[in-house]
Amino acid sequence: MLRRKERPEAHADSWLVVGVGNPDSEYAGTRHNVGSDTVRLLASRLGVSLKNNRRVRCEIAEAMVGGARLVLTVPHGYMNEAGGPVQSAARWYRIPPERIVVLHDELDLPVATVRLKQGGGTAGHNGLRDIEARLGSREFHRVRIGIGKPPGRMAGKDHVLRRFTAPERREVDVALVEAADAVLGIVRDGLEPTQNRVHQPRPT
C-alpha cells in the first residue's frame, strides 16, 4: 500500500522558485525553456535533485540557503498550463505569491539579457497569465530572461520554440548563471539590491 505523503512543515522563510517551460522530451534547449533550464542549473549548484511529485504535478527539490528554504519547481506539462501546478505547490508548501519567484523567457528583451521585477503585467506571456489567474495575484517575483524578438514576420509562438544559434547559446549559458544568481540574491538580499546588481551593464 502506498503511504500518503506527509505535508511539509511550514517554514517561516520559504520561497517557491518556479522555472516554466515545455516538456524537455520534446522541447529541450528551446527559447521557451530558459526558465526551467535555470531551475535545473540552480538545483545542480545547490546539490539537490529534482524529483517528480505527482501530488503537485511538478518536479520538486528542496534546498536550504542560509536560513531560507528554497522549493525548486519545474511544473509538469506545457507552459500555458503552468498555473495549476504552481498553485498546487504554493498551497502544499504554504507559500504566498509574494514569496514566489518565476523564471521565464521574455520576447521583449534582447537575447541573454536578465531583468527582475515584482508584479506588473504579463506582456502576453501565456504561462505567466495562467499563473496569475490561478494564484489570484500578480505579486510574484519574475526573473525575465531575454530570448529576442522573432526575425522578420515569424510569429512569436514559432520563435519561442526555436533553438538558439551557437553564438546565442554561448551568451544564454552565461545568462542562465546570472539568472540563478539573481534568485539567490532576491532570497538573501531582497529585490531592489539584486536589481541594482543585475541591471548594471556587463563589462565589455
N, C-alpha and C. Protein backbone atom coordinates (compact mmCIF):
# COMPACT_ATOMS: atom_id res chain seq x y z
N MET A 1 0.84 -1.19 0.00
CA MET A 1 0.00 0.00 0.00
C MET A 1 0.88 1.25 0.00
N LEU A 2 0.52 2.21 -0.85
CA LEU A 2 1.28 3.45 -0.90
C LEU A 2 0.98 4.30 0.32
N ARG A 3 2.01 4.82 0.93
CA ARG A 3 1.83 5.71 2.07
C ARG A 3 1.52 7.12 1.58
N ARG A 4 0.58 7.74 2.23
CA ARG A 4 0.24 9.11 1.87
C ARG A 4 1.39 10.04 2.26
N LYS A 5 1.81 10.86 1.32
CA LYS A 5 2.93 11.76 1.57
C LYS A 5 2.52 12.81 2.59
N GLU A 6 3.35 12.96 3.62
CA GLU A 6 3.04 13.95 4.64
C GLU A 6 3.33 15.35 4.13
N ARG A 7 2.46 16.25 4.52
CA ARG A 7 2.65 17.64 4.10
C ARG A 7 3.89 18.20 4.79
N PRO A 8 4.74 18.96 4.06
CA PRO A 8 5.94 19.52 4.68
C PRO A 8 5.57 20.49 5.80
N GLU A 9 6.42 20.54 6.79
CA GLU A 9 6.21 21.50 7.86
C GLU A 9 6.32 22.93 7.31
N ALA A 10 5.51 23.81 7.87
CA ALA A 10 5.60 25.22 7.47
C ALA A 10 6.97 25.77 7.87
N HIS A 11 7.50 26.64 7.04
CA HIS A 11 8.81 27.26 7.32
C HIS A 11 8.65 28.76 7.11
N ALA A 12 9.06 29.54 8.10
CA ALA A 12 8.79 30.98 8.06
C ALA A 12 9.47 31.67 6.88
N ASP A 13 10.61 31.14 6.43
CA ASP A 13 11.36 31.77 5.34
C ASP A 13 11.45 30.80 4.17
N SER A 14 10.31 30.55 3.55
CA SER A 14 10.24 29.65 2.39
C SER A 14 10.00 30.44 1.11
N TRP A 15 10.62 29.99 0.04
CA TRP A 15 10.45 30.58 -1.28
C TRP A 15 10.15 29.47 -2.27
N LEU A 16 9.19 29.71 -3.15
CA LEU A 16 8.90 28.80 -4.25
C LEU A 16 9.56 29.37 -5.50
N VAL A 17 10.50 28.64 -6.06
CA VAL A 17 11.26 29.08 -7.24
C VAL A 17 10.81 28.22 -8.42
N VAL A 18 10.16 28.85 -9.39
CA VAL A 18 9.48 28.13 -10.47
C VAL A 18 10.16 28.43 -11.80
N GLY A 19 10.58 27.39 -12.49
CA GLY A 19 11.08 27.56 -13.85
C GLY A 19 10.08 27.01 -14.84
N VAL A 20 9.49 27.88 -15.64
CA VAL A 20 8.46 27.42 -16.58
C VAL A 20 9.09 27.05 -17.92
N GLY A 21 8.42 26.12 -18.59
CA GLY A 21 8.88 25.67 -19.90
C GLY A 21 7.95 24.58 -20.40
N ASN A 22 8.31 23.99 -21.52
CA ASN A 22 7.59 22.86 -22.08
C ASN A 22 8.36 21.57 -21.77
N PRO A 23 7.73 20.40 -21.94
CA PRO A 23 8.42 19.15 -21.61
C PRO A 23 9.76 19.00 -22.35
N ASP A 24 10.80 18.67 -21.59
CA ASP A 24 12.13 18.52 -22.18
C ASP A 24 12.18 17.42 -23.23
N SER A 25 11.30 16.43 -23.11
CA SER A 25 11.31 15.33 -24.07
C SER A 25 11.11 15.82 -25.49
N GLU A 26 10.41 16.93 -25.65
CA GLU A 26 10.16 17.49 -26.98
C GLU A 26 10.86 18.82 -27.21
N TYR A 27 11.07 19.59 -26.15
CA TYR A 27 11.46 21.00 -26.33
C TYR A 27 12.74 21.39 -25.60
N ALA A 28 13.55 20.44 -25.21
CA ALA A 28 14.80 20.76 -24.51
C ALA A 28 15.65 21.71 -25.37
N GLY A 29 16.19 22.73 -24.74
CA GLY A 29 17.08 23.65 -25.44
C GLY A 29 16.40 24.74 -26.22
N THR A 30 15.07 24.78 -26.22
CA THR A 30 14.38 25.84 -26.96
C THR A 30 14.31 27.11 -26.13
N ARG A 31 13.97 28.21 -26.81
CA ARG A 31 13.91 29.51 -26.14
C ARG A 31 12.88 29.53 -25.02
N HIS A 32 11.79 28.83 -25.21
CA HIS A 32 10.71 28.82 -24.22
C HIS A 32 11.12 28.14 -22.92
N ASN A 33 12.23 27.40 -22.93
CA ASN A 33 12.60 26.59 -21.77
C ASN A 33 13.73 27.18 -20.95
N VAL A 34 14.06 28.44 -21.16
CA VAL A 34 15.18 29.01 -20.39
C VAL A 34 14.85 29.08 -18.89
N GLY A 35 13.58 29.24 -18.54
CA GLY A 35 13.21 29.27 -17.13
C GLY A 35 13.45 27.94 -16.45
N SER A 36 12.94 26.87 -17.05
CA SER A 36 13.15 25.54 -16.45
C SER A 36 14.62 25.15 -16.50
N ASP A 37 15.34 25.56 -17.55
CA ASP A 37 16.77 25.28 -17.62
C ASP A 37 17.51 25.92 -16.44
N THR A 38 17.10 27.13 -16.06
CA THR A 38 17.77 27.83 -14.96
C THR A 38 17.52 27.14 -13.64
N VAL A 39 16.29 26.68 -13.41
CA VAL A 39 15.99 25.98 -12.16
C VAL A 39 16.78 24.67 -12.09
N ARG A 40 16.92 23.98 -13.21
CA ARG A 40 17.73 22.75 -13.21
C ARG A 40 19.19 23.08 -12.89
N LEU A 41 19.69 24.16 -13.45
CA LEU A 41 21.05 24.60 -13.14
C LEU A 41 21.19 24.93 -11.66
N LEU A 42 20.23 25.64 -11.12
CA LEU A 42 20.29 26.04 -9.72
C LEU A 42 20.25 24.81 -8.81
N ALA A 43 19.41 23.83 -9.15
CA ALA A 43 19.36 22.60 -8.36
C ALA A 43 20.72 21.92 -8.35
N SER A 44 21.35 21.85 -9.51
CA SER A 44 22.68 21.23 -9.59
C SER A 44 23.69 21.97 -8.73
N ARG A 45 23.65 23.29 -8.78
CA ARG A 45 24.59 24.09 -7.99
C ARG A 45 24.37 23.90 -6.49
N LEU A 46 23.13 23.71 -6.09
CA LEU A 46 22.82 23.55 -4.67
C LEU A 46 22.93 22.09 -4.21
N GLY A 47 23.27 21.20 -5.13
CA GLY A 47 23.49 19.80 -4.77
C GLY A 47 22.23 19.02 -4.47
N VAL A 48 21.12 19.38 -5.12
CA VAL A 48 19.86 18.66 -4.91
C VAL A 48 19.33 18.17 -6.25
N SER A 49 18.46 17.17 -6.21
CA SER A 49 17.92 16.57 -7.42
C SER A 49 16.41 16.81 -7.50
N LEU A 50 15.97 17.26 -8.64
CA LEU A 50 14.54 17.42 -8.88
C LEU A 50 13.90 16.05 -9.07
N LYS A 51 12.78 15.82 -8.36
CA LYS A 51 12.09 14.55 -8.46
C LYS A 51 10.60 14.81 -8.68
N ASN A 52 9.98 13.91 -9.43
CA ASN A 52 8.57 14.06 -9.72
C ASN A 52 7.73 13.99 -8.44
N ASN A 53 6.81 14.93 -8.32
CA ASN A 53 5.86 14.95 -7.22
C ASN A 53 4.47 14.98 -7.85
N ARG A 54 3.82 13.83 -7.87
CA ARG A 54 2.54 13.75 -8.57
C ARG A 54 1.44 14.55 -7.86
N ARG A 55 1.60 14.72 -6.56
CA ARG A 55 0.58 15.47 -5.82
C ARG A 55 0.45 16.89 -6.35
N VAL A 56 1.57 17.55 -6.59
CA VAL A 56 1.54 18.94 -7.04
C VAL A 56 1.83 19.08 -8.53
N ARG A 57 2.04 17.95 -9.21
CA ARG A 57 2.26 17.93 -10.66
C ARG A 57 3.48 18.79 -11.07
N CYS A 58 4.56 18.59 -10.34
CA CYS A 58 5.80 19.31 -10.59
C CYS A 58 6.99 18.39 -10.32
N GLU A 59 8.12 18.74 -10.86
CA GLU A 59 9.38 18.24 -10.34
C GLU A 59 9.78 19.18 -9.20
N ILE A 60 10.22 18.60 -8.10
CA ILE A 60 10.47 19.39 -6.88
C ILE A 60 11.82 19.00 -6.29
N ALA A 61 12.53 19.98 -5.78
CA ALA A 61 13.71 19.75 -4.94
C ALA A 61 13.72 20.83 -3.87
N GLU A 62 14.14 20.49 -2.67
CA GLU A 62 14.24 21.46 -1.59
C GLU A 62 15.70 21.67 -1.22
N ALA A 63 16.05 22.93 -0.95
CA ALA A 63 17.41 23.25 -0.54
C ALA A 63 17.36 24.37 0.47
N MET A 64 18.30 24.37 1.39
CA MET A 64 18.44 25.45 2.36
C MET A 64 19.54 26.39 1.91
N VAL A 65 19.23 27.67 1.88
CA VAL A 65 20.21 28.72 1.54
C VAL A 65 20.22 29.70 2.70
N GLY A 66 21.27 29.66 3.50
CA GLY A 66 21.23 30.40 4.74
C GLY A 66 20.12 29.83 5.60
N GLY A 67 19.24 30.67 6.07
CA GLY A 67 18.10 30.19 6.85
C GLY A 67 16.84 30.02 6.04
N ALA A 68 16.93 30.21 4.72
CA ALA A 68 15.74 30.14 3.86
C ALA A 68 15.61 28.75 3.23
N ARG A 69 14.36 28.31 3.12
CA ARG A 69 14.08 27.07 2.38
C ARG A 69 13.66 27.42 0.97
N LEU A 70 14.37 26.91 -0.02
CA LEU A 70 14.01 27.09 -1.42
C LEU A 70 13.35 25.82 -1.92
N VAL A 71 12.16 25.96 -2.45
CA VAL A 71 11.46 24.85 -3.09
C VAL A 71 11.59 25.07 -4.59
N LEU A 72 12.52 24.34 -5.20
CA LEU A 72 12.78 24.48 -6.63
C LEU A 72 11.76 23.65 -7.39
N THR A 73 11.15 24.25 -8.40
CA THR A 73 9.96 23.66 -9.01
C THR A 73 9.98 23.81 -10.53
N VAL A 74 9.74 22.69 -11.22
CA VAL A 74 9.50 22.71 -12.67
C VAL A 74 8.13 22.07 -12.90
N PRO A 75 7.13 22.85 -13.30
CA PRO A 75 5.79 22.28 -13.49
C PRO A 75 5.77 21.22 -14.58
N HIS A 76 4.97 20.19 -14.37
CA HIS A 76 4.72 19.20 -15.41
C HIS A 76 3.86 19.82 -16.52
N GLY A 77 3.93 19.24 -17.69
CA GLY A 77 3.06 19.67 -18.78
C GLY A 77 3.60 20.86 -19.53
N TYR A 78 2.69 21.58 -20.17
CA TYR A 78 3.08 22.64 -21.08
C TYR A 78 3.02 24.01 -20.40
N MET A 79 3.80 24.91 -20.96
CA MET A 79 3.94 26.27 -20.44
C MET A 79 2.59 26.92 -20.15
N ASN A 80 1.67 26.82 -21.11
CA ASN A 80 0.41 27.55 -20.99
C ASN A 80 -0.47 27.05 -19.85
N GLU A 81 -0.13 25.89 -19.29
CA GLU A 81 -0.93 25.31 -18.20
C GLU A 81 -0.12 25.24 -16.91
N ALA A 82 0.87 26.13 -16.77
CA ALA A 82 1.74 26.09 -15.59
C ALA A 82 1.03 26.53 -14.32
N GLY A 83 -0.04 27.30 -14.44
CA GLY A 83 -0.68 27.88 -13.26
C GLY A 83 -1.20 26.86 -12.27
N GLY A 84 -1.80 25.78 -12.76
CA GLY A 84 -2.36 24.77 -11.85
C GLY A 84 -1.29 24.13 -10.98
N PRO A 85 -0.20 23.61 -11.58
CA PRO A 85 0.88 23.06 -10.76
C PRO A 85 1.50 24.08 -9.80
N VAL A 86 1.68 25.32 -10.25
CA VAL A 86 2.25 26.34 -9.36
C VAL A 86 1.31 26.60 -8.18
N GLN A 87 0.04 26.70 -8.45
CA GLN A 87 -0.94 26.89 -7.38
C GLN A 87 -0.90 25.73 -6.39
N SER A 88 -0.81 24.51 -6.91
CA SER A 88 -0.77 23.33 -6.04
C SER A 88 0.47 23.33 -5.17
N ALA A 89 1.61 23.65 -5.76
CA ALA A 89 2.86 23.67 -4.99
C ALA A 89 2.83 24.76 -3.94
N ALA A 90 2.31 25.93 -4.30
CA ALA A 90 2.24 27.04 -3.34
C ALA A 90 1.36 26.67 -2.15
N ARG A 91 0.24 26.02 -2.41
CA ARG A 91 -0.66 25.61 -1.32
C ARG A 91 -0.01 24.53 -0.46
N TRP A 92 0.62 23.55 -1.09
CA TRP A 92 1.22 22.43 -0.37
C TRP A 92 2.32 22.91 0.57
N TYR A 93 3.11 23.87 0.11
CA TYR A 93 4.21 24.38 0.93
C TYR A 93 3.86 25.64 1.71
N ARG A 94 2.60 26.10 1.58
CA ARG A 94 2.11 27.27 2.32
C ARG A 94 2.94 28.52 2.01
N ILE A 95 3.14 28.78 0.73
CA ILE A 95 3.97 29.91 0.30
C ILE A 95 3.10 30.93 -0.43
N PRO A 96 3.05 32.18 0.04
CA PRO A 96 2.21 33.20 -0.58
C PRO A 96 2.82 33.71 -1.89
N PRO A 97 2.01 34.36 -2.74
CA PRO A 97 2.51 34.83 -4.04
C PRO A 97 3.75 35.72 -3.96
N GLU A 98 3.83 36.57 -2.95
CA GLU A 98 4.96 37.50 -2.88
C GLU A 98 6.28 36.81 -2.54
N ARG A 99 6.23 35.50 -2.24
CA ARG A 99 7.45 34.73 -1.99
C ARG A 99 7.64 33.65 -3.05
N ILE A 100 7.06 33.90 -4.21
CA ILE A 100 7.24 33.03 -5.38
C ILE A 100 8.09 33.78 -6.39
N VAL A 101 9.08 33.08 -6.94
CA VAL A 101 9.93 33.63 -8.00
C VAL A 101 9.72 32.77 -9.24
N VAL A 102 9.26 33.39 -10.33
CA VAL A 102 9.03 32.67 -11.58
C VAL A 102 10.10 33.08 -12.59
N LEU A 103 10.80 32.11 -13.13
CA LEU A 103 11.80 32.36 -14.16
C LEU A 103 11.21 32.01 -15.51
N HIS A 104 11.32 32.93 -16.47
CA HIS A 104 10.65 32.72 -17.75
C HIS A 104 11.37 33.44 -18.88
N ASP A 105 11.04 33.03 -20.10
CA ASP A 105 11.57 33.68 -21.30
C ASP A 105 10.85 34.99 -21.54
N GLU A 106 11.54 35.93 -22.20
CA GLU A 106 10.98 37.27 -22.43
C GLU A 106 11.33 37.73 -23.84
N LEU A 107 10.29 37.80 -24.69
CA LEU A 107 10.47 38.25 -26.08
C LEU A 107 10.93 39.70 -26.17
N ASP A 108 10.53 40.52 -25.23
CA ASP A 108 10.80 41.95 -25.32
C ASP A 108 12.19 42.33 -24.83
N LEU A 109 13.00 41.37 -24.46
CA LEU A 109 14.38 41.64 -24.06
C LEU A 109 15.35 41.02 -25.06
N PRO A 110 16.48 41.69 -25.32
CA PRO A 110 17.49 41.08 -26.19
C PRO A 110 17.97 39.74 -25.64
N VAL A 111 18.44 38.91 -26.52
CA VAL A 111 18.92 37.58 -26.13
C VAL A 111 19.95 37.70 -25.00
N ALA A 112 19.75 36.89 -23.95
CA ALA A 112 20.68 36.75 -22.83
C ALA A 112 20.65 37.93 -21.86
N THR A 113 19.68 38.84 -21.98
CA THR A 113 19.51 39.91 -21.01
C THR A 113 18.66 39.39 -19.84
N VAL A 114 19.06 39.70 -18.62
CA VAL A 114 18.32 39.27 -17.44
C VAL A 114 17.79 40.50 -16.72
N ARG A 115 16.49 40.50 -16.42
CA ARG A 115 15.87 41.60 -15.70
C ARG A 115 14.92 41.03 -14.64
N LEU A 116 14.76 41.79 -13.56
CA LEU A 116 13.97 41.35 -12.42
C LEU A 116 12.85 42.34 -12.13
N LYS A 117 11.73 41.82 -11.67
CA LYS A 117 10.67 42.70 -11.20
C LYS A 117 9.72 41.91 -10.33
N GLN A 118 8.83 42.64 -9.66
CA GLN A 118 7.75 42.02 -8.91
C GLN A 118 6.45 42.63 -9.37
N GLY A 119 5.47 41.78 -9.62
CA GLY A 119 4.18 42.27 -10.07
C GLY A 119 4.21 42.76 -11.51
N GLY A 120 3.16 43.50 -11.87
CA GLY A 120 3.07 44.03 -13.23
C GLY A 120 2.33 43.08 -14.15
N GLY A 121 2.28 43.48 -15.42
CA GLY A 121 1.54 42.71 -16.42
C GLY A 121 2.29 41.48 -16.89
N THR A 122 1.66 40.76 -17.81
CA THR A 122 2.26 39.52 -18.32
C THR A 122 2.83 39.68 -19.72
N ALA A 123 2.61 40.83 -20.37
CA ALA A 123 3.14 41.10 -21.71
C ALA A 123 2.81 39.99 -22.70
N GLY A 124 1.62 39.41 -22.55
CA GLY A 124 1.18 38.38 -23.49
C GLY A 124 1.78 37.01 -23.25
N HIS A 125 2.51 36.84 -22.17
CA HIS A 125 3.13 35.54 -21.88
C HIS A 125 2.07 34.62 -21.28
N ASN A 126 1.71 33.58 -22.02
CA ASN A 126 0.59 32.74 -21.59
C ASN A 126 0.87 31.96 -20.31
N GLY A 127 2.12 31.59 -20.10
CA GLY A 127 2.46 30.90 -18.86
C GLY A 127 2.26 31.80 -17.66
N LEU A 128 2.74 33.04 -17.75
CA LEU A 128 2.54 34.00 -16.66
C LEU A 128 1.07 34.30 -16.45
N ARG A 129 0.35 34.42 -17.54
CA ARG A 129 -1.09 34.71 -17.45
C ARG A 129 -1.81 33.61 -16.68
N ASP A 130 -1.46 32.36 -16.96
CA ASP A 130 -2.11 31.25 -16.28
C ASP A 130 -1.72 31.20 -14.80
N ILE A 131 -0.46 31.49 -14.50
CA ILE A 131 -0.02 31.52 -13.10
C ILE A 131 -0.76 32.62 -12.34
N GLU A 132 -0.83 33.80 -12.94
CA GLU A 132 -1.53 34.92 -12.30
C GLU A 132 -2.99 34.57 -12.04
N ALA A 133 -3.64 33.95 -13.02
CA ALA A 133 -5.06 33.60 -12.86
C ALA A 133 -5.26 32.59 -11.74
N ARG A 134 -4.38 31.59 -11.66
CA ARG A 134 -4.53 30.55 -10.65
C ARG A 134 -4.18 31.05 -9.25
N LEU A 135 -3.16 31.90 -9.15
CA LEU A 135 -2.79 32.43 -7.85
C LEU A 135 -3.73 33.54 -7.39
N GLY A 136 -4.42 34.17 -8.33
CA GLY A 136 -5.26 35.31 -8.00
C GLY A 136 -4.45 36.51 -7.58
N SER A 137 -3.22 36.60 -8.09
CA SER A 137 -2.32 37.68 -7.69
C SER A 137 -1.26 37.88 -8.76
N ARG A 138 -0.82 39.14 -8.89
CA ARG A 138 0.32 39.47 -9.75
C ARG A 138 1.62 39.65 -8.96
N GLU A 139 1.55 39.50 -7.66
CA GLU A 139 2.65 39.96 -6.81
C GLU A 139 3.80 38.98 -6.67
N PHE A 140 3.88 38.00 -7.56
CA PHE A 140 5.04 37.13 -7.55
C PHE A 140 6.22 37.83 -8.25
N HIS A 141 7.43 37.43 -7.87
CA HIS A 141 8.64 37.95 -8.50
C HIS A 141 8.85 37.27 -9.85
N ARG A 142 9.49 38.01 -10.76
CA ARG A 142 9.81 37.44 -12.07
C ARG A 142 11.29 37.65 -12.37
N VAL A 143 11.94 36.60 -12.81
CA VAL A 143 13.29 36.70 -13.38
C VAL A 143 13.11 36.49 -14.88
N ARG A 144 13.27 37.56 -15.63
CA ARG A 144 12.97 37.58 -17.06
C ARG A 144 14.27 37.36 -17.85
N ILE A 145 14.28 36.38 -18.72
CA ILE A 145 15.48 36.02 -19.48
C ILE A 145 15.19 36.27 -20.95
N GLY A 146 15.93 37.22 -21.53
CA GLY A 146 15.66 37.64 -22.89
C GLY A 146 15.95 36.57 -23.93
N ILE A 147 15.01 36.42 -24.87
CA ILE A 147 15.21 35.49 -25.99
C ILE A 147 15.14 36.21 -27.34
N GLY A 148 14.94 37.54 -27.31
CA GLY A 148 14.91 38.32 -28.54
C GLY A 148 13.59 38.22 -29.28
N LYS A 149 13.36 39.20 -30.14
CA LYS A 149 12.13 39.23 -30.93
C LYS A 149 12.25 38.30 -32.13
N PRO A 150 11.12 37.82 -32.66
CA PRO A 150 11.16 36.95 -33.84
C PRO A 150 11.76 37.68 -35.04
N PRO A 151 12.51 36.99 -35.86
CA PRO A 151 13.04 37.63 -37.07
C PRO A 151 11.95 37.79 -38.13
N GLY A 152 12.04 38.89 -38.88
CA GLY A 152 11.11 39.10 -39.98
C GLY A 152 9.67 39.04 -39.56
N ARG A 153 8.89 38.23 -40.28
CA ARG A 153 7.47 38.11 -39.99
C ARG A 153 7.14 36.85 -39.21
N MET A 154 8.13 36.21 -38.65
CA MET A 154 7.88 34.98 -37.88
C MET A 154 6.98 35.30 -36.67
N ALA A 155 6.02 34.43 -36.42
CA ALA A 155 5.13 34.60 -35.27
C ALA A 155 5.88 34.29 -33.98
N GLY A 156 5.50 35.02 -32.92
CA GLY A 156 6.13 34.78 -31.63
C GLY A 156 6.00 33.34 -31.17
N LYS A 157 4.85 32.71 -31.43
CA LYS A 157 4.62 31.34 -30.97
C LYS A 157 5.55 30.36 -31.65
N ASP A 158 6.04 30.71 -32.84
CA ASP A 158 7.02 29.85 -33.52
C ASP A 158 8.43 30.16 -33.04
N HIS A 159 8.69 31.43 -32.81
CA HIS A 159 10.04 31.84 -32.38
C HIS A 159 10.41 31.22 -31.04
N VAL A 160 9.48 31.17 -30.09
CA VAL A 160 9.82 30.67 -28.76
C VAL A 160 10.16 29.19 -28.77
N LEU A 161 9.76 28.47 -29.82
CA LEU A 161 10.05 27.04 -29.90
C LEU A 161 11.32 26.75 -30.70
N ARG A 162 11.99 27.80 -31.16
CA ARG A 162 13.26 27.62 -31.87
C ARG A 162 14.40 27.45 -30.87
N ARG A 163 15.44 26.78 -31.32
CA ARG A 163 16.66 26.70 -30.52
C ARG A 163 17.56 27.89 -30.85
N PHE A 164 18.48 28.17 -29.96
CA PHE A 164 19.39 29.29 -30.15
C PHE A 164 20.47 28.94 -31.16
N THR A 165 20.96 29.96 -31.84
CA THR A 165 22.15 29.76 -32.66
C THR A 165 23.34 29.48 -31.75
N ALA A 166 24.43 28.99 -32.31
CA ALA A 166 25.61 28.67 -31.49
C ALA A 166 26.14 29.90 -30.75
N PRO A 167 26.29 31.06 -31.40
CA PRO A 167 26.74 32.25 -30.65
C PRO A 167 25.74 32.67 -29.58
N GLU A 168 24.43 32.60 -29.89
CA GLU A 168 23.42 32.94 -28.88
C GLU A 168 23.49 31.98 -27.70
N ARG A 169 23.71 30.70 -28.00
CA ARG A 169 23.73 29.70 -26.93
C ARG A 169 24.83 30.00 -25.92
N ARG A 170 25.98 30.44 -26.42
CA ARG A 170 27.09 30.77 -25.52
C ARG A 170 26.69 31.92 -24.60
N GLU A 171 26.02 32.93 -25.15
CA GLU A 171 25.57 34.06 -24.33
C GLU A 171 24.49 33.63 -23.35
N VAL A 172 23.57 32.80 -23.81
CA VAL A 172 22.46 32.37 -22.95
C VAL A 172 22.97 31.53 -21.79
N ASP A 173 23.98 30.70 -22.02
CA ASP A 173 24.52 29.90 -20.93
C ASP A 173 25.06 30.80 -19.81
N VAL A 174 25.66 31.92 -20.18
CA VAL A 174 26.12 32.89 -19.18
C VAL A 174 24.92 33.52 -18.48
N ALA A 175 23.87 33.84 -19.25
CA ALA A 175 22.68 34.47 -18.69
C ALA A 175 21.97 33.56 -17.70
N LEU A 176 21.97 32.26 -17.94
CA LEU A 176 21.32 31.34 -17.02
C LEU A 176 22.03 31.33 -15.67
N VAL A 177 23.35 31.44 -15.69
CA VAL A 177 24.10 31.55 -14.44
C VAL A 177 23.72 32.84 -13.72
N GLU A 178 23.62 33.95 -14.47
CA GLU A 178 23.21 35.22 -13.88
C GLU A 178 21.80 35.13 -13.29
N ALA A 179 20.92 34.44 -14.01
CA ALA A 179 19.54 34.30 -13.53
C ALA A 179 19.49 33.47 -12.24
N ALA A 180 20.28 32.41 -12.19
CA ALA A 180 20.35 31.59 -10.96
C ALA A 180 20.89 32.42 -9.80
N ASP A 181 21.94 33.21 -10.08
CA ASP A 181 22.49 34.10 -9.05
C ASP A 181 21.44 35.10 -8.58
N ALA A 182 20.61 35.58 -9.52
CA ALA A 182 19.58 36.56 -9.19
C ALA A 182 18.56 35.98 -8.22
N VAL A 183 18.20 34.71 -8.41
CA VAL A 183 17.26 34.07 -7.46
C VAL A 183 17.85 34.09 -6.06
N LEU A 184 19.11 33.69 -5.94
CA LEU A 184 19.75 33.66 -4.63
C LEU A 184 19.85 35.07 -4.05
N GLY A 185 20.08 36.05 -4.92
CA GLY A 185 20.14 37.43 -4.46
C GLY A 185 18.81 37.92 -3.91
N ILE A 186 17.72 37.60 -4.60
CA ILE A 186 16.39 38.00 -4.12
C ILE A 186 16.13 37.40 -2.75
N VAL A 187 16.48 36.14 -2.59
CA VAL A 187 16.22 35.45 -1.32
C VAL A 187 17.09 36.02 -0.19
N ARG A 188 18.35 36.28 -0.48
CA ARG A 188 19.29 36.71 0.56
C ARG A 188 19.20 38.20 0.86
N ASP A 189 19.07 39.01 -0.21
CA ASP A 189 19.23 40.45 -0.06
C ASP A 189 17.98 41.26 -0.35
N GLY A 190 16.99 40.65 -1.00
CA GLY A 190 15.80 41.39 -1.40
C GLY A 190 15.87 41.79 -2.87
N LEU A 191 14.73 42.25 -3.39
CA LEU A 191 14.62 42.54 -4.82
C LEU A 191 15.46 43.74 -5.23
N GLU A 192 15.31 44.87 -4.56
CA GLU A 192 15.94 46.10 -5.05
C GLU A 192 17.47 46.01 -5.08
N PRO A 193 18.14 45.54 -4.02
CA PRO A 193 19.59 45.42 -4.11
C PRO A 193 20.03 44.47 -5.23
N THR A 194 19.25 43.42 -5.45
CA THR A 194 19.60 42.46 -6.50
C THR A 194 19.38 43.08 -7.88
N GLN A 195 18.29 43.83 -8.03
CA GLN A 195 18.09 44.57 -9.29
C GLN A 195 19.27 45.49 -9.58
N ASN A 196 19.72 46.20 -8.57
CA ASN A 196 20.81 47.15 -8.76
C ASN A 196 22.07 46.46 -9.28
N ARG A 197 22.30 45.23 -8.84
CA ARG A 197 23.46 44.48 -9.33
C ARG A 197 23.23 43.93 -10.73
N VAL A 198 22.07 43.27 -10.90
CA VAL A 198 21.83 42.56 -12.15
C VAL A 198 21.62 43.50 -13.32
N HIS A 199 21.02 44.65 -13.08
CA HIS A 199 20.67 45.57 -14.17
C HIS A 199 21.84 46.46 -14.58
N GLN A 200 22.98 46.32 -13.94
CA GLN A 200 24.18 47.04 -14.37
C GLN A 200 24.65 46.49 -15.71
N PRO A 201 25.16 47.36 -16.60
CA PRO A 201 25.70 46.85 -17.87
C PRO A 201 26.83 45.86 -17.63
N ARG A 202 26.91 44.86 -18.46
CA ARG A 202 28.00 43.89 -18.35
C ARG A 202 29.32 44.55 -18.75
N PRO A 203 30.42 44.14 -18.11
CA PRO A 203 31.74 44.65 -18.55
C PRO A 203 32.01 44.26 -19.98
N THR A 204 32.63 45.15 -20.72
CA THR A 204 32.95 44.83 -22.13
C THR A 204 34.42 44.49 -22.26
